[in-house]
Amino acid sequence: MSPISPVLRAILLTAAITIPAVDYNAPAKASSGISCPAVYWGSLPKDVKGSGPTVSIFDVRTGQHTCFDRLVVDIGGSGPVGYDVRYVSNVYTEGQGSVVALSGGAKLQVIARAPNYDVATGQITYTPLDQWNSYHLTDLTGYRTFRQLAFAGSFEGQTTFGLGVRARLPMRAFIFSGPGTGQRLVVDVAHSWNQQ
């Protein structure tokens, strides 16, 4: 084996000095320069028992945030609201049990333990704006995680929504007080597992 010539050694040394070092252990940064904290929500079911159907749903909406997409179910009244949010193989309509077709790589079943009608009067408090297209409640164009939001019906004091998402990602669910005397069931789904 012949030794490296002085000319070849000089070329290799020059190349090693001029090529910038790459730290392969450094976290990747988004091109926008915005970093999201790591999330520890997990993807296991979020289940909270409520005191019964004493309140009713009056609106459903979605929003985009820097690190997650958000679903909000507006619920009137001040009684404790229960919910059950979980990844499932399929979401089924309330009462009938028909499969709700959802876009995306994973499906979230979102059950609010509140009906879409006033318990005292039986009057409907929430109906999808387009009753013929209750499988597309909001326009999710441009969302990073959400793919489709569907109304799966209300039956025996609870209301079900199907949420198609890009993949099985970390999610959380909780109740906020307001607007007014009402409250909100909030479901957040992170854009990725390793947000940095």
Protein backbone atom coordinates (compact mmCIF):
# COMPACT_ATOMS: atom_id res chain seq x y z
CA MET A 1 0.00 0.00 0.00
CA SER A 2 1.56 3.27 -1.11
CA PRO A 3 1.62 6.33 1.17
CA ILE A 4 -0.60 9.34 0.29
CA SER A 5 1.27 11.82 -1.83
CA PRO A 6 1.90 15.29 -0.36
CA VAL A 7 -0.30 16.87 -3.08
CA LEU A 8 -3.27 14.55 -2.34
CA ARG A 9 -2.83 15.11 1.40
CA ALA A 10 -2.97 18.92 0.87
CA ILE A 11 -6.15 18.61 -1.21
CA LEU A 12 -7.88 16.43 1.42
CA LEU A 13 -6.85 18.74 4.26
CA THR A 14 -8.11 21.82 2.38
CA ALA A 15 -11.45 20.11 1.65
CA ALA A 16 -11.89 19.08 5.30
CA ILE A 17 -11.30 22.65 6.49
CA THR A 18 -13.64 24.32 3.98
CA ILE A 19 -16.63 21.94 4.25
CA PRO A 20 -18.92 23.05 7.11
CA ALA A 21 -19.57 20.55 9.87
CA VAL A 22 -23.07 19.05 10.10
CA ASP A 23 -24.58 18.16 13.47
CA TYR A 24 -26.78 15.15 12.72
CA ASN A 25 -28.13 15.14 16.28
CA ALA A 26 -29.57 18.64 16.06
CA PRO A 27 -33.38 18.79 15.74
CA ALA A 28 -34.72 19.80 12.36
CA LYS A 29 -36.17 23.30 12.25
CA ALA A 30 -39.15 24.29 10.16
CA SER A 31 -38.34 26.61 7.32
CA SER A 32 -40.67 29.23 8.83
CA GLY A 33 -38.37 29.53 11.85
CA ILE A 34 -41.26 28.75 14.23
CA SER A 35 -40.63 25.94 16.70
CA CYS A 36 -43.28 24.02 18.57
CA PRO A 37 -42.68 22.51 22.00
CA ALA A 38 -42.62 18.74 22.28
CA VAL A 39 -46.09 17.42 23.09
CA TYR A 40 -46.85 14.80 25.70
CA TRP A 41 -50.58 14.39 25.03
CA GLY A 42 -50.29 10.90 23.61
CA SER A 43 -52.93 9.22 21.47
CA LEU A 44 -54.82 7.23 24.11
CA PRO A 45 -58.55 7.89 24.75
CA LYS A 46 -59.59 10.99 26.67
CA ASP A 47 -62.77 10.16 28.61
CA VAL A 48 -64.55 12.33 31.19
CA LYS A 49 -67.95 11.48 32.63
CA GLY A 50 -70.54 14.27 32.80
CA SER A 51 -73.59 14.66 35.01
CA GLY A 52 -76.13 14.01 32.24
CA PRO A 53 -77.71 15.80 29.27
CA THR A 54 -78.63 19.07 30.98
CA VAL A 55 -76.90 21.21 28.37
CA SER A 56 -77.03 21.26 24.57
CA ILE A 57 -74.71 21.86 21.61
CA PHE A 58 -75.27 25.02 19.58
CA ASP A 59 -72.23 25.29 17.27
CA VAL A 60 -69.17 23.44 15.95
CA ARG A 61 -66.07 25.07 14.45
CA THR A 62 -62.43 24.44 13.62
CA GLY A 63 -59.25 26.50 13.63
CA GLN A 64 -55.58 26.33 12.70
CA HIS A 65 -52.86 27.06 15.23
CA THR A 66 -49.07 27.13 14.93
CA CYS A 67 -48.53 23.65 16.38
CA PHE A 68 -51.95 21.96 16.17
CA ASP A 69 -55.39 21.99 14.54
CA ARG A 70 -58.38 22.62 16.84
CA LEU A 71 -62.00 21.47 16.95
CA VAL A 72 -64.41 23.40 19.19
CA VAL A 73 -67.91 22.24 20.14
CA ASP A 74 -69.91 25.09 21.71
CA ILE A 75 -72.26 23.90 24.43
CA GLY A 76 -74.85 25.99 26.28
CA GLY A 77 -75.49 25.79 30.01
CA SER A 78 -73.18 25.45 32.96
CA GLY A 79 -73.63 21.79 33.96
CA PRO A 80 -70.59 19.51 33.82
CA VAL A 81 -70.11 18.18 30.29
CA GLY A 82 -68.61 14.77 29.69
CA TYR A 83 -66.79 13.65 26.57
CA ASP A 84 -65.07 10.68 25.01
CA VAL A 85 -62.42 11.32 22.36
CA ARG A 86 -60.52 8.37 20.88
CA TYR A 87 -58.93 6.93 17.77
CA VAL A 88 -61.13 4.23 16.27
CA SER A 89 -61.23 1.96 13.22
CA ASN A 90 -64.58 3.48 12.20
CA VAL A 91 -66.98 6.15 13.42
CA TYR A 92 -70.65 5.14 13.40
CA THR A 93 -73.80 7.25 13.24
CA GLU A 94 -75.79 7.60 16.46
CA GLY A 95 -78.88 5.42 16.61
CA GLN A 96 -78.45 3.80 13.18
CA GLY A 97 -74.90 2.47 13.41
CA SER A 98 -73.91 3.28 9.82
CA VAL A 99 -70.21 3.79 9.07
CA VAL A 100 -69.22 7.43 8.57
CA ALA A 101 -66.77 7.64 5.64
CA LEU A 102 -63.82 9.82 6.67
CA SER A 103 -60.76 11.05 4.78
CA GLY A 104 -57.28 10.78 6.27
CA GLY A 105 -54.95 8.17 7.67
CA ALA A 106 -56.66 7.99 11.09
CA LYS A 107 -60.14 8.54 12.52
CA LEU A 108 -61.08 10.28 15.76
CA GLN A 109 -64.48 9.67 17.33
CA VAL A 110 -65.51 12.74 19.30
CA ILE A 111 -68.50 12.21 21.61
CA ALA A 112 -69.87 15.19 23.52
CA ARG A 113 -72.16 14.06 26.32
CA ALA A 114 -74.68 16.70 25.36
CA PRO A 115 -77.51 16.49 22.80
CA ASN A 116 -78.11 18.75 19.80
CA TYR A 117 -81.53 19.69 21.20
CA ASP A 118 -82.93 21.44 24.26
CA VAL A 119 -83.72 18.76 26.85
CA ALA A 120 -86.72 20.67 28.26
CA THR A 121 -88.42 21.63 24.98
CA GLY A 122 -87.01 19.14 22.47
CA GLN A 123 -86.16 22.03 20.12
CA ILE A 124 -83.10 21.43 17.91
CA THR A 125 -80.17 23.66 18.95
CA TYR A 126 -77.58 22.51 16.40
CA THR A 127 -78.03 21.35 12.82
CA PRO A 128 -75.27 21.28 10.18
CA LEU A 129 -75.59 24.31 7.91
CA ASP A 130 -75.82 22.02 4.90
CA GLN A 131 -78.10 19.21 6.06
CA TRP A 132 -77.42 17.31 2.84
CA ASN A 133 -73.66 17.38 3.44
CA SER A 134 -73.30 16.75 7.17
CA TYR A 135 -70.08 14.83 6.42
CA HIS A 136 -68.20 18.07 5.66
CA LEU A 137 -69.04 20.51 8.45
CA THR A 138 -66.17 22.95 7.89
CA ASP A 139 -63.75 23.75 5.09
CA LEU A 140 -60.44 22.18 6.10
CA THR A 141 -58.46 23.27 3.03
CA GLY A 142 -54.89 24.08 4.09
CA TYR A 143 -55.09 22.41 7.50
CA ARG A 144 -51.94 20.48 8.38
CA THR A 145 -53.63 17.73 10.40
CA PHE A 146 -57.43 17.78 9.93
CA ARG A 147 -58.84 16.23 6.76
CA GLN A 148 -62.61 15.98 7.36
CA LEU A 149 -65.18 16.78 10.06
CA ALA A 150 -68.51 14.92 9.98
CA PHE A 151 -71.69 15.07 12.07
CA ALA A 152 -72.64 11.52 13.10
CA GLY A 153 -75.86 12.39 14.93
CA SER A 154 -77.27 12.87 18.38
CA PHE A 155 -79.06 10.17 20.37
CA GLU A 156 -79.92 9.56 24.02
CA GLY A 157 -78.19 12.66 25.32
CA GLN A 158 -74.92 12.49 23.41
CA THR A 159 -73.66 13.77 20.07
CA THR A 160 -70.99 12.17 17.92
CA PHE A 161 -68.61 13.75 15.40
CA GLY A 162 -66.12 11.98 13.16
CA LEU A 163 -62.79 13.70 12.61
CA GLY A 164 -60.53 12.43 9.83
CA VAL A 165 -56.89 13.33 10.48
CA ARG A 166 -53.65 12.92 8.54
CA ALA A 167 -52.28 10.22 10.88
CA ARG A 168 -52.58 8.97 14.44
CA LEU A 169 -51.02 12.00 16.12
CA PRO A 170 -50.97 13.28 19.71
CA MET A 171 -54.30 14.74 20.80
CA ARG A 172 -55.87 16.29 23.86
CA ALA A 173 -59.42 17.17 24.93
CA PHE A 174 -60.68 19.53 27.63
CA ILE A 175 -63.55 21.85 28.59
CA PHE A 176 -63.25 25.67 28.58
CA SER A 177 -65.80 27.96 30.22
CA GLY A 178 -67.57 30.40 27.87
CA PRO A 179 -68.68 31.93 25.63
CA GLY A 180 -71.07 33.69 28.02
CA THR A 181 -72.65 31.18 30.37
CA GLY A 182 -71.79 28.30 28.04
CA GLN A 183 -68.73 26.16 27.65
CA ARG A 184 -66.57 24.60 24.94
CA LEU A 185 -65.34 21.08 24.33
CA VAL A 186 -61.91 21.56 22.75
CA VAL A 187 -60.02 18.85 20.83
CA ASP A 188 -56.48 19.63 19.66
CA VAL A 189 -54.48 17.37 17.34
CA ALA A 190 -50.75 18.13 17.05
CA HIS A 191 -49.07 18.53 13.66
CA SER A 192 -46.39 15.98 14.56
CA TRP A 193 -45.07 13.79 17.38
CA ASN A 194 -41.66 15.48 17.64
CA GLN A 195 -42.35 19.17 17.50
CA GLN A 196 -39.22 21.23 17.94
